[in-house]
Amino acid sequence: MKPFEFEAPESLKAAVERLNREDPSVRVIAGGTALMVMMKAGVFRPSRLISLHAIEERFSSIEQLSDGSLRIGAMATLADMEHSNDLARFAPVVRKTLKTLSNVRVRNVATIGGHLAHADPHMDLPPVLIALDADVRLIGRGGERRIPVQDLYAGYYETVLAPDELISEVLIPPHLQRRSAYVKCSTRAAHDWPAVGIAVSLDVANNVARDPRIVVGAATERPLRATAAEAALSGHPIDADILHRIGAAAADTIECVGDARGSAPYKKQLIGIYVKRALAAAVAGGAGASDQ
């Protein structure tokens, strides 16, 4: 491995100031679960790594805010999220999703900020957070901005983050009586990525769907909302027939990408099946995550 410089600033602002817009070989490191693999494989050769482990403690905390939303600092590990009682009460679908996300060794060191910024389309949490209408707060040399998680992704392993910009926190709005679920299709091996992951969230009043959010991950270049399927479901009574039609609508309108986990036509078939399962799980249980 090529030698590189290593710095550990004591504030997030100082870390941002050390980034070089003109030099992509300068990179921050948090959990390092993806970055270290890339370095060992020779895919990425840094000239300087900026560690975030000495920055302010608040960026590792999870707390409910006065407006009812939940704040997750970008340096909170996936294990921190998995074991947070505040998060489990606020959005149990997140804890249940984390139970089958990679393995405990990865969850112990991987951070939510790095997880989102890496932009691997097979990851489980981006679709879930999009379904929960979550935002990310970004900090850069030009100041701060807040954007929806669904707007963070530009393409395959691509985000809208500027070279001198970092995720500082995730913000999930209050959900009141909304019901959420996440289901995925994988081999259940700890190292395996899913062939498809479906996250849903909706209000249900008198068995009628209100404001549904249906998000497809893993089968696409980036997490995508199935907006046509959402529109077809909203305002309709929920029964087996509508769930079948909504699954078919999602499959028809989402452009899939084939990979080692399945061809594009195969993944389209999976979307139809797993959208039905996710909606049924949400309606029946309120919040859930399963690995089918």
Foldseek 3Di string as FASTA:
>chain_A
DDDAAEEEDQAPVVLLVPFDLVDLLEEEDFLCPPVVVCVVVVVHHHNYYYYDPNYDPVLQDWDQDPQRKIKHRQNPFLVNCLPDPVNCVQAVQSNQQSVLAQDPVRRVRHGNQCLLLQQAQLGAPLQQQVQLQKWWWKQHPVGIDIDTSVQQADFQSHGPARSSMGTGIMIGHGDVQKFKEKEFEDPSDSHIGTCKMWIKIFDADPQATAQIWIWITNFGRHIDTLVVLSVQRHGDHDDPVNLLVSLLSSLVPDQGPDDPNGHNVVVSVVSSVVSSVGVVCRVVPRHHYDYD
